[in-house]
Structure formats: C-alpha cells, structure tokens
Amino acid sequence: MKKLFVGNLPFTVTEERVRELFTEFGEIQSVTIPTDRETGKSRGFAFVEMTNDDDAEKAIAGVNGKREGGRALNVNEARPKEAGGGGGGHRGGGRGGYRY
C-alpha cells in the first residue's frame, strides 16, 4: 500500500471528487482531507492511500499537474514524518504522521 500526498487542492474539494480523480488508476484504500481545527475548512491538501504500488505510481504520473478548480495539483508519495521534529506544544506538523 502506498500513501500519496495531493497538494494545491481547492478548499472546496470533497472526498468524493478526490476519489474520482484517482479511481481510474486503481483501487483506493482511503482518502483523508485534513481540516483546520478552528474553522473546520479544508487545509488544501489530501492523502490518498492506494492498495497497489504500481497503480499509485500511475496515479502520480496521471494526476500530478492536472487542473482542478483552476489549480494545478501537486501529487507525490507521502513521506513519514520525521521523529523529534522540534518545536513545542501542539504547533505545526501535519496530522496522521505524514509530512508534506
């Protein structure tokens, strides 16, 4: 299974629309669109987990640079968040243990 980072999404994008963008390339395990804790609005990016690594590579090639809502999407493999990333308290960093 491979987790993809999808950046530069319109803030109005839905999970259903993200699924539509990736379904043609293979089976999707999950889609997560992080939201701002205070406003509940999308943060402009998503994570897509695909069950097959080859399909994930095809999805990166097929969706990266594609325009959605007037914005060119940025798609690449999500990298695990590095341990001990500094900073104090609950500030910064993405949710789900992945950085973008």
N, C-alpha and C. Protein backbone atom coordinates (compact mmCIF):
# COMPACT_ATOMS: atom_id res chain seq x y z
N MET A 1 0.84 -1.17 0.00
CA MET A 1 0.00 0.00 0.00
C MET A 1 0.90 1.24 0.00
N LYS A 2 0.49 2.25 -0.76
CA LYS A 2 1.27 3.47 -0.86
C LYS A 2 0.38 4.67 -0.56
N LYS A 3 0.92 5.59 0.24
CA LYS A 3 0.17 6.79 0.60
C LYS A 3 0.69 7.96 -0.22
N LEU A 4 -0.24 8.67 -0.87
CA LEU A 4 0.10 9.80 -1.71
C LEU A 4 -0.34 11.10 -1.07
N PHE A 5 0.46 12.13 -1.27
CA PHE A 5 0.11 13.48 -0.85
C PHE A 5 -0.42 14.20 -2.08
N VAL A 6 -1.57 14.87 -1.94
CA VAL A 6 -2.17 15.63 -3.03
C VAL A 6 -2.28 17.08 -2.55
N GLY A 7 -1.44 17.94 -3.10
CA GLY A 7 -1.41 19.33 -2.67
C GLY A 7 -2.02 20.27 -3.69
N ASN A 8 -2.26 21.49 -3.24
CA ASN A 8 -2.81 22.59 -4.04
C ASN A 8 -4.25 22.32 -4.45
N LEU A 9 -4.98 21.60 -3.59
CA LEU A 9 -6.40 21.33 -3.86
C LEU A 9 -7.22 22.58 -3.58
N PRO A 10 -8.31 22.77 -4.34
CA PRO A 10 -9.23 23.85 -3.98
C PRO A 10 -9.78 23.58 -2.58
N PHE A 11 -10.03 24.61 -1.82
CA PHE A 11 -10.51 24.43 -0.44
C PHE A 11 -11.92 23.85 -0.39
N THR A 12 -12.61 23.84 -1.52
CA THR A 12 -13.98 23.31 -1.57
C THR A 12 -14.05 21.87 -2.03
N VAL A 13 -12.90 21.24 -2.31
CA VAL A 13 -12.91 19.87 -2.85
C VAL A 13 -13.49 18.90 -1.83
N THR A 14 -14.17 17.88 -2.35
CA THR A 14 -14.77 16.86 -1.49
C THR A 14 -14.00 15.55 -1.61
N GLU A 15 -14.21 14.69 -0.63
CA GLU A 15 -13.58 13.36 -0.67
C GLU A 15 -14.03 12.61 -1.92
N GLU A 16 -15.29 12.75 -2.27
CA GLU A 16 -15.82 12.08 -3.45
C GLU A 16 -15.07 12.53 -4.71
N ARG A 17 -14.81 13.82 -4.84
CA ARG A 17 -14.11 14.33 -6.02
C ARG A 17 -12.67 13.82 -6.06
N VAL A 18 -12.01 13.76 -4.91
CA VAL A 18 -10.64 13.24 -4.88
C VAL A 18 -10.64 11.78 -5.31
N ARG A 19 -11.61 11.02 -4.85
CA ARG A 19 -11.73 9.61 -5.26
C ARG A 19 -11.90 9.51 -6.78
N GLU A 20 -12.73 10.38 -7.35
CA GLU A 20 -12.95 10.37 -8.80
C GLU A 20 -11.64 10.58 -9.56
N LEU A 21 -10.80 11.48 -9.05
CA LEU A 21 -9.54 11.79 -9.72
C LEU A 21 -8.60 10.58 -9.76
N PHE A 22 -8.67 9.72 -8.74
CA PHE A 22 -7.71 8.63 -8.61
C PHE A 22 -8.25 7.26 -8.98
N THR A 23 -9.55 7.07 -9.02
CA THR A 23 -10.15 5.76 -9.25
C THR A 23 -9.72 5.12 -10.56
N GLU A 24 -9.54 5.91 -11.61
CA GLU A 24 -9.18 5.34 -12.91
C GLU A 24 -7.81 4.66 -12.89
N PHE A 25 -7.01 4.93 -11.86
CA PHE A 25 -5.66 4.37 -11.81
C PHE A 25 -5.57 3.12 -10.93
N GLY A 26 -6.60 2.83 -10.16
CA GLY A 26 -6.57 1.64 -9.33
C GLY A 26 -7.44 1.77 -8.09
N GLU A 27 -7.38 0.75 -7.26
CA GLU A 27 -8.20 0.69 -6.05
C GLU A 27 -7.67 1.64 -4.98
N ILE A 28 -8.59 2.36 -4.38
CA ILE A 28 -8.25 3.32 -3.33
C ILE A 28 -8.65 2.74 -1.99
N GLN A 29 -7.71 2.74 -1.06
CA GLN A 29 -7.98 2.25 0.30
C GLN A 29 -8.69 3.33 1.12
N SER A 30 -8.16 4.58 1.04
CA SER A 30 -8.77 5.65 1.81
C SER A 30 -8.39 7.01 1.24
N VAL A 31 -9.22 8.00 1.56
CA VAL A 31 -8.96 9.41 1.23
C VAL A 31 -9.16 10.21 2.50
N THR A 32 -8.18 11.05 2.83
CA THR A 32 -8.28 11.90 4.01
C THR A 32 -8.01 13.33 3.60
N ILE A 33 -8.93 14.23 3.93
CA ILE A 33 -8.75 15.65 3.67
C ILE A 33 -8.67 16.34 5.03
N PRO A 34 -7.46 16.70 5.48
CA PRO A 34 -7.32 17.36 6.77
C PRO A 34 -8.05 18.71 6.79
N THR A 35 -8.61 19.03 7.93
CA THR A 35 -9.32 20.30 8.08
C THR A 35 -8.71 21.12 9.22
N ASP A 36 -8.92 22.41 9.14
CA ASP A 36 -8.47 23.31 10.19
C ASP A 36 -9.30 23.05 11.45
N ARG A 37 -8.66 22.95 12.58
CA ARG A 37 -9.38 22.65 13.83
C ARG A 37 -10.37 23.74 14.21
N GLU A 38 -10.01 24.98 13.96
CA GLU A 38 -10.87 26.09 14.38
C GLU A 38 -12.02 26.36 13.42
N THR A 39 -11.75 26.30 12.11
CA THR A 39 -12.79 26.65 11.14
C THR A 39 -13.50 25.43 10.55
N GLY A 40 -12.85 24.27 10.61
CA GLY A 40 -13.43 23.07 10.01
C GLY A 40 -13.28 23.03 8.50
N LYS A 41 -12.62 24.03 7.91
CA LYS A 41 -12.45 24.07 6.46
C LYS A 41 -11.22 23.27 6.04
N SER A 42 -11.26 22.81 4.78
CA SER A 42 -10.14 22.07 4.21
C SER A 42 -8.86 22.89 4.30
N ARG A 43 -7.74 22.19 4.47
CA ARG A 43 -6.44 22.86 4.52
C ARG A 43 -5.79 22.89 3.13
N GLY A 44 -6.49 22.40 2.10
CA GLY A 44 -6.00 22.49 0.74
C GLY A 44 -5.13 21.33 0.29
N PHE A 45 -5.15 20.25 1.04
CA PHE A 45 -4.41 19.06 0.62
C PHE A 45 -5.13 17.82 1.11
N ALA A 46 -4.71 16.67 0.58
CA ALA A 46 -5.33 15.40 0.96
C ALA A 46 -4.28 14.30 0.92
N PHE A 47 -4.62 13.19 1.54
CA PHE A 47 -3.82 11.98 1.46
C PHE A 47 -4.69 10.90 0.84
N VAL A 48 -4.14 10.19 -0.13
CA VAL A 48 -4.85 9.10 -0.79
C VAL A 48 -4.01 7.84 -0.62
N GLU A 49 -4.60 6.80 -0.04
CA GLU A 49 -3.91 5.51 0.11
C GLU A 49 -4.41 4.58 -0.98
N MET A 50 -3.46 4.10 -1.79
CA MET A 50 -3.80 3.17 -2.86
C MET A 50 -3.27 1.79 -2.49
N THR A 51 -4.04 0.74 -2.82
CA THR A 51 -3.68 -0.60 -2.39
C THR A 51 -2.52 -1.20 -3.17
N ASN A 52 -2.25 -0.72 -4.38
CA ASN A 52 -1.21 -1.28 -5.22
C ASN A 52 -0.16 -0.21 -5.54
N ASP A 53 1.11 -0.52 -5.29
CA ASP A 53 2.18 0.45 -5.51
C ASP A 53 2.31 0.87 -6.97
N ASP A 54 2.14 -0.07 -7.90
CA ASP A 54 2.24 0.27 -9.32
C ASP A 54 1.11 1.22 -9.72
N ASP A 55 -0.08 0.97 -9.22
CA ASP A 55 -1.21 1.86 -9.50
C ASP A 55 -0.96 3.25 -8.92
N ALA A 56 -0.34 3.30 -7.74
CA ALA A 56 -0.04 4.58 -7.11
C ALA A 56 0.93 5.37 -7.98
N GLU A 57 1.93 4.71 -8.55
CA GLU A 57 2.88 5.39 -9.43
C GLU A 57 2.19 5.93 -10.67
N LYS A 58 1.26 5.13 -11.22
CA LYS A 58 0.48 5.59 -12.38
C LYS A 58 -0.38 6.79 -12.01
N ALA A 59 -0.95 6.77 -10.81
CA ALA A 59 -1.78 7.88 -10.36
C ALA A 59 -0.95 9.16 -10.20
N ILE A 60 0.26 9.03 -9.67
CA ILE A 60 1.14 10.20 -9.52
C ILE A 60 1.37 10.80 -10.90
N ALA A 61 1.73 9.96 -11.88
CA ALA A 61 2.01 10.44 -13.24
C ALA A 61 0.76 11.03 -13.89
N GLY A 62 -0.40 10.43 -13.62
CA GLY A 62 -1.63 10.85 -14.28
C GLY A 62 -2.32 12.05 -13.67
N VAL A 63 -2.15 12.27 -12.37
CA VAL A 63 -2.89 13.36 -11.71
C VAL A 63 -1.99 14.56 -11.41
N ASN A 64 -0.69 14.34 -11.23
CA ASN A 64 0.22 15.45 -10.94
C ASN A 64 0.16 16.47 -12.08
N GLY A 65 -0.09 17.72 -11.75
CA GLY A 65 -0.17 18.78 -12.74
C GLY A 65 -1.56 18.97 -13.34
N LYS A 66 -2.46 18.02 -13.10
CA LYS A 66 -3.83 18.13 -13.59
C LYS A 66 -4.51 19.31 -12.91
N ARG A 67 -5.34 20.02 -13.65
CA ARG A 67 -6.00 21.20 -13.10
C ARG A 67 -7.34 20.81 -12.47
N GLU A 68 -7.57 21.35 -11.29
CA GLU A 68 -8.82 21.11 -10.56
C GLU A 68 -9.21 22.44 -9.91
N GLY A 69 -10.37 22.94 -10.29
CA GLY A 69 -10.82 24.21 -9.73
C GLY A 69 -9.86 25.35 -10.03
N GLY A 70 -9.22 25.31 -11.21
CA GLY A 70 -8.30 26.36 -11.60
C GLY A 70 -6.91 26.25 -10.99
N ARG A 71 -6.64 25.15 -10.31
CA ARG A 71 -5.34 24.96 -9.65
C ARG A 71 -4.65 23.71 -10.17
N ALA A 72 -3.34 23.79 -10.38
CA ALA A 72 -2.56 22.63 -10.81
C ALA A 72 -2.22 21.79 -9.58
N LEU A 73 -2.65 20.54 -9.58
CA LEU A 73 -2.43 19.67 -8.43
C LEU A 73 -0.97 19.22 -8.35
N ASN A 74 -0.52 19.01 -7.12
CA ASN A 74 0.83 18.53 -6.83
C ASN A 74 0.67 17.18 -6.14
N VAL A 75 1.08 16.10 -6.83
CA VAL A 75 0.91 14.75 -6.29
C VAL A 75 2.26 14.07 -6.20
N ASN A 76 2.56 13.52 -5.02
CA ASN A 76 3.78 12.74 -4.85
C ASN A 76 3.58 11.77 -3.69
N GLU A 77 4.54 10.90 -3.50
CA GLU A 77 4.45 9.93 -2.42
C GLU A 77 4.62 10.66 -1.08
N ALA A 78 3.71 10.38 -0.15
CA ALA A 78 3.81 10.97 1.18
C ALA A 78 4.98 10.34 1.90
N ARG A 79 5.73 11.16 2.60
CA ARG A 79 6.88 10.66 3.37
C ARG A 79 6.51 10.66 4.84
N PRO A 80 6.94 9.63 5.57
CA PRO A 80 6.66 9.61 7.01
C PRO A 80 7.26 10.84 7.69
N LYS A 81 6.54 11.35 8.65
CA LYS A 81 7.00 12.50 9.43
C LYS A 81 8.23 12.08 10.22
N GLU A 82 9.24 12.93 10.20
CA GLU A 82 10.48 12.62 10.92
C GLU A 82 10.27 12.79 12.43
N ALA A 83 10.84 11.87 13.20
CA ALA A 83 10.71 11.92 14.65
C ALA A 83 11.53 13.08 15.21
N GLY A 84 11.06 13.62 16.34
CA GLY A 84 11.79 14.68 17.03
C GLY A 84 11.91 15.95 16.23
N GLY A 85 10.84 16.32 15.56
CA GLY A 85 10.85 17.47 14.66
C GLY A 85 10.94 18.82 15.31
N GLY A 86 11.33 18.92 16.55
CA GLY A 86 11.49 20.23 17.19
C GLY A 86 10.16 20.91 17.43
N GLY A 87 10.24 22.18 17.82
CA GLY A 87 9.01 22.93 18.10
C GLY A 87 8.43 22.50 19.41
N GLY A 88 7.57 23.33 19.94
CA GLY A 88 6.98 22.99 21.23
C GLY A 88 5.48 22.87 21.15
N GLY A 89 4.91 22.27 22.13
CA GLY A 89 3.47 22.19 22.23
C GLY A 89 2.83 21.45 21.07
N HIS A 90 1.67 21.95 20.68
CA HIS A 90 0.88 21.31 19.63
C HIS A 90 0.92 22.09 18.33
N ARG A 91 1.94 22.85 18.11
CA ARG A 91 2.02 23.68 16.91
C ARG A 91 2.61 22.91 15.74
N GLY A 92 2.17 23.28 14.53
CA GLY A 92 2.77 22.79 13.30
C GLY A 92 2.59 21.32 13.05
N GLY A 93 3.14 20.89 11.91
CA GLY A 93 3.10 19.47 11.55
C GLY A 93 1.75 19.04 11.03
N GLY A 94 1.76 18.07 10.15
CA GLY A 94 0.51 17.54 9.61
C GLY A 94 -0.01 16.44 10.52
N ARG A 95 -1.24 16.11 10.31
CA ARG A 95 -1.84 15.02 11.08
C ARG A 95 -1.56 13.70 10.40
N GLY A 96 -1.73 12.62 11.10
CA GLY A 96 -1.59 11.31 10.51
C GLY A 96 -0.16 10.82 10.38
N GLY A 97 0.79 11.54 10.98
CA GLY A 97 2.17 11.08 10.98
C GLY A 97 2.90 11.26 9.66
N TYR A 98 2.34 12.04 8.75
CA TYR A 98 2.98 12.27 7.47
C TYR A 98 3.26 13.75 7.30
N ARG A 99 4.39 14.04 6.64
CA ARG A 99 4.70 15.43 6.34
C ARG A 99 4.53 15.65 4.86
N TYR A 100 4.41 16.86 4.47
CA TYR A 100 4.18 17.19 3.07
C TYR A 100 5.11 18.28 2.62
